[in-house]
Protein backbone atom coordinates (compact mmCIF):
# COMPACT_ATOMS: atom_id res chain seq x y z
CA GLN A 1 35.60 42.54 36.01
CA VAL A 2 38.48 44.99 36.24
CA GLN A 3 37.84 48.25 38.06
CA LEU A 4 40.11 51.25 38.44
CA VAL A 5 39.20 53.99 40.88
CA GLU A 6 41.22 57.20 41.01
CA SER A 7 41.34 59.59 43.94
CA GLY A 8 43.37 62.53 45.17
CA GLY A 9 42.55 65.20 42.62
CA GLY A 10 41.66 68.73 43.57
CA LEU A 11 42.56 72.40 43.37
CA VAL A 12 46.12 73.48 44.08
CA GLN A 13 48.17 76.61 43.49
CA ALA A 14 50.98 76.66 40.98
CA GLY A 15 54.13 75.31 42.55
CA GLY A 16 52.19 73.03 44.87
CA SER A 17 51.90 69.25 45.05
CA LEU A 18 49.24 66.58 44.82
CA ARG A 19 49.31 62.80 45.01
CA LEU A 20 46.90 60.77 42.96
CA SER A 21 46.01 57.18 43.77
CA CYS A 22 44.41 54.47 41.68
CA ALA A 23 42.96 51.35 43.24
CA PHE A 24 42.82 48.28 41.00
CA SER A 25 40.57 45.24 41.39
CA GLY A 26 39.27 42.29 39.39
CA ARG A 27 42.48 40.79 38.08
CA THR A 28 45.99 39.93 39.24
CA PHE A 29 47.43 43.40 39.68
CA SER A 30 51.06 42.41 39.25
CA LEU A 31 50.32 41.15 35.71
CA ASN A 32 49.39 44.62 34.52
CA THR A 33 51.54 47.46 33.29
CA MET A 34 49.96 50.61 34.67
CA GLY A 35 49.84 54.15 33.38
CA TRP A 36 48.54 57.66 33.93
CA PHE A 37 47.09 59.78 31.18
CA ARG A 38 45.47 63.20 31.22
CA GLN A 39 43.08 65.20 29.12
CA ALA A 40 42.70 68.95 29.20
CA PRO A 41 39.61 70.70 27.81
CA GLY A 42 39.67 70.78 24.02
CA LYS A 43 42.74 68.58 23.82
CA GLU A 44 43.42 64.94 23.14
CA ARG A 45 44.23 62.50 25.91
CA GLU A 46 47.97 62.43 26.45
CA PHE A 47 50.41 60.07 28.12
CA VAL A 48 51.85 61.12 31.48
CA ALA A 49 53.68 58.13 32.97
CA ALA A 50 53.84 54.34 33.00
CA ILE A 51 55.24 51.74 35.35
CA SER A 52 56.18 48.13 34.76
CA CYS A 53 54.49 45.17 36.41
CA SER A 54 57.23 44.85 39.01
CA GLY A 55 57.64 48.59 39.48
CA SER A 56 61.30 48.46 38.51
CA SER A 57 60.89 50.47 35.30
CA THR A 58 59.13 53.76 34.64
CA ARG A 59 58.56 56.07 31.70
CA TYR A 60 57.50 59.73 31.64
CA SER A 61 56.41 62.28 29.13
CA GLY A 62 58.85 65.10 28.61
CA SER A 63 56.46 67.65 30.06
CA VAL A 64 56.35 66.00 33.50
CA LYS A 65 59.74 64.31 33.78
CA GLY A 66 61.55 65.50 36.87
CA ARG A 67 58.35 66.79 38.49
CA PHE A 68 56.07 63.73 38.61
CA THR A 69 56.81 60.30 40.03
CA ILE A 70 54.81 57.17 39.33
CA SER A 71 54.94 54.28 41.77
CA ARG A 72 53.01 51.16 42.65
CA ASP A 73 52.38 48.99 45.67
CA ASN A 74 51.61 45.46 44.53
CA THR A 75 50.55 44.49 48.05
CA LYS A 76 47.82 47.14 47.98
CA ASN A 77 46.88 46.85 44.28
CA THR A 78 47.42 50.58 43.96
CA ILE A 79 49.45 52.96 41.86
CA TYR A 80 50.33 56.52 42.69
CA LEU A 81 51.29 59.69 40.88
CA GLN A 82 53.20 62.18 42.99
CA MET A 83 52.97 65.56 41.28
CA ASN A 84 55.32 68.31 42.41
CA SER A 85 56.02 71.81 41.10
CA LEU A 86 52.62 71.87 39.48
CA LYS A 87 51.99 74.29 36.65
CA THR A 88 48.75 75.73 35.31
CA GLU A 89 49.25 73.65 32.17
CA ASP A 90 48.98 70.50 34.27
CA THR A 91 45.28 71.22 34.70
CA ALA A 92 43.36 68.26 33.30
CA VAL A 93 41.34 65.19 34.11
CA TYR A 94 43.80 62.47 35.06
CA TYR A 95 43.05 58.87 34.17
CA CYS A 96 44.54 55.67 35.48
CA ALA A 97 44.92 52.85 32.94
CA ALA A 98 45.87 49.18 32.97
CA LYS A 99 47.49 47.15 30.24
CA SER A 100 47.02 43.38 30.40
CA SER A 101 50.65 42.65 29.68
CA CYS A 102 54.07 43.06 31.27
CA ILE A 103 55.75 43.65 27.91
CA GLY A 104 56.78 47.23 27.27
CA LEU A 105 55.93 50.55 28.89
CA GLY A 106 53.27 51.80 26.53
CA TYR A 107 52.72 55.48 25.93
CA SER A 108 49.81 55.04 23.53
CA ALA A 109 46.32 54.99 24.98
CA PHE A 110 45.43 52.25 22.49
CA GLU A 111 47.71 49.83 24.30
CA TYR A 112 45.69 50.01 27.51
CA ASP A 113 42.72 47.78 28.16
CA TYR A 114 41.08 49.26 31.23
CA TRP A 115 40.45 52.82 32.38
CA GLY A 116 39.31 54.62 35.47
CA GLN A 117 36.67 57.32 35.52
CA GLY A 118 39.19 60.12 35.96
CA THR A 119 39.93 62.68 38.64
CA GLN A 120 40.11 66.43 38.08
CA VAL A 121 43.32 68.30 38.83
CA THR A 122 43.13 72.07 38.67
CA VAL A 123 46.23 74.23 39.11
CA SER A 124 45.58 77.91 39.71
CA SER A 125 48.03 80.73 39.08
C-alpha cells in the first residue's frame, strides 16, 4: 500500500522560504514520477512542479518557476519542494503526488495515482 506523508508546512512572511518534504513508502520509489500540487480556498487544485523518476528532469508551473525547486533523493524515498521568495498568493494546502510511471512529467492531477494528506502553507503580508 503506497503512502505519502508531507511535512514542512507552516506560517511564513512574504519573501521568506520554506522546504516541504514528502516521504514515500509501499512501492519502488524510483519507478514513480513525483509531483507537487496545491489548492487554495475556493480554488481548484493546481499543478506546482514535477520531477522524473531519476530526478534528471523537472517541470514547473509558470507561477512558481524561478522561485521553487523540486528535488528527490531516491536513497531516502523522499521528494522536496524548496520554496523561496514566497508570496501571499502561494498560500494553499500543498499535496505530494505519485504517478506509477516514468513516462512524461504530468501536470494534470488525473495522471497521478497516489496522494498525500496535504500540508498547509500560509504566507502572511
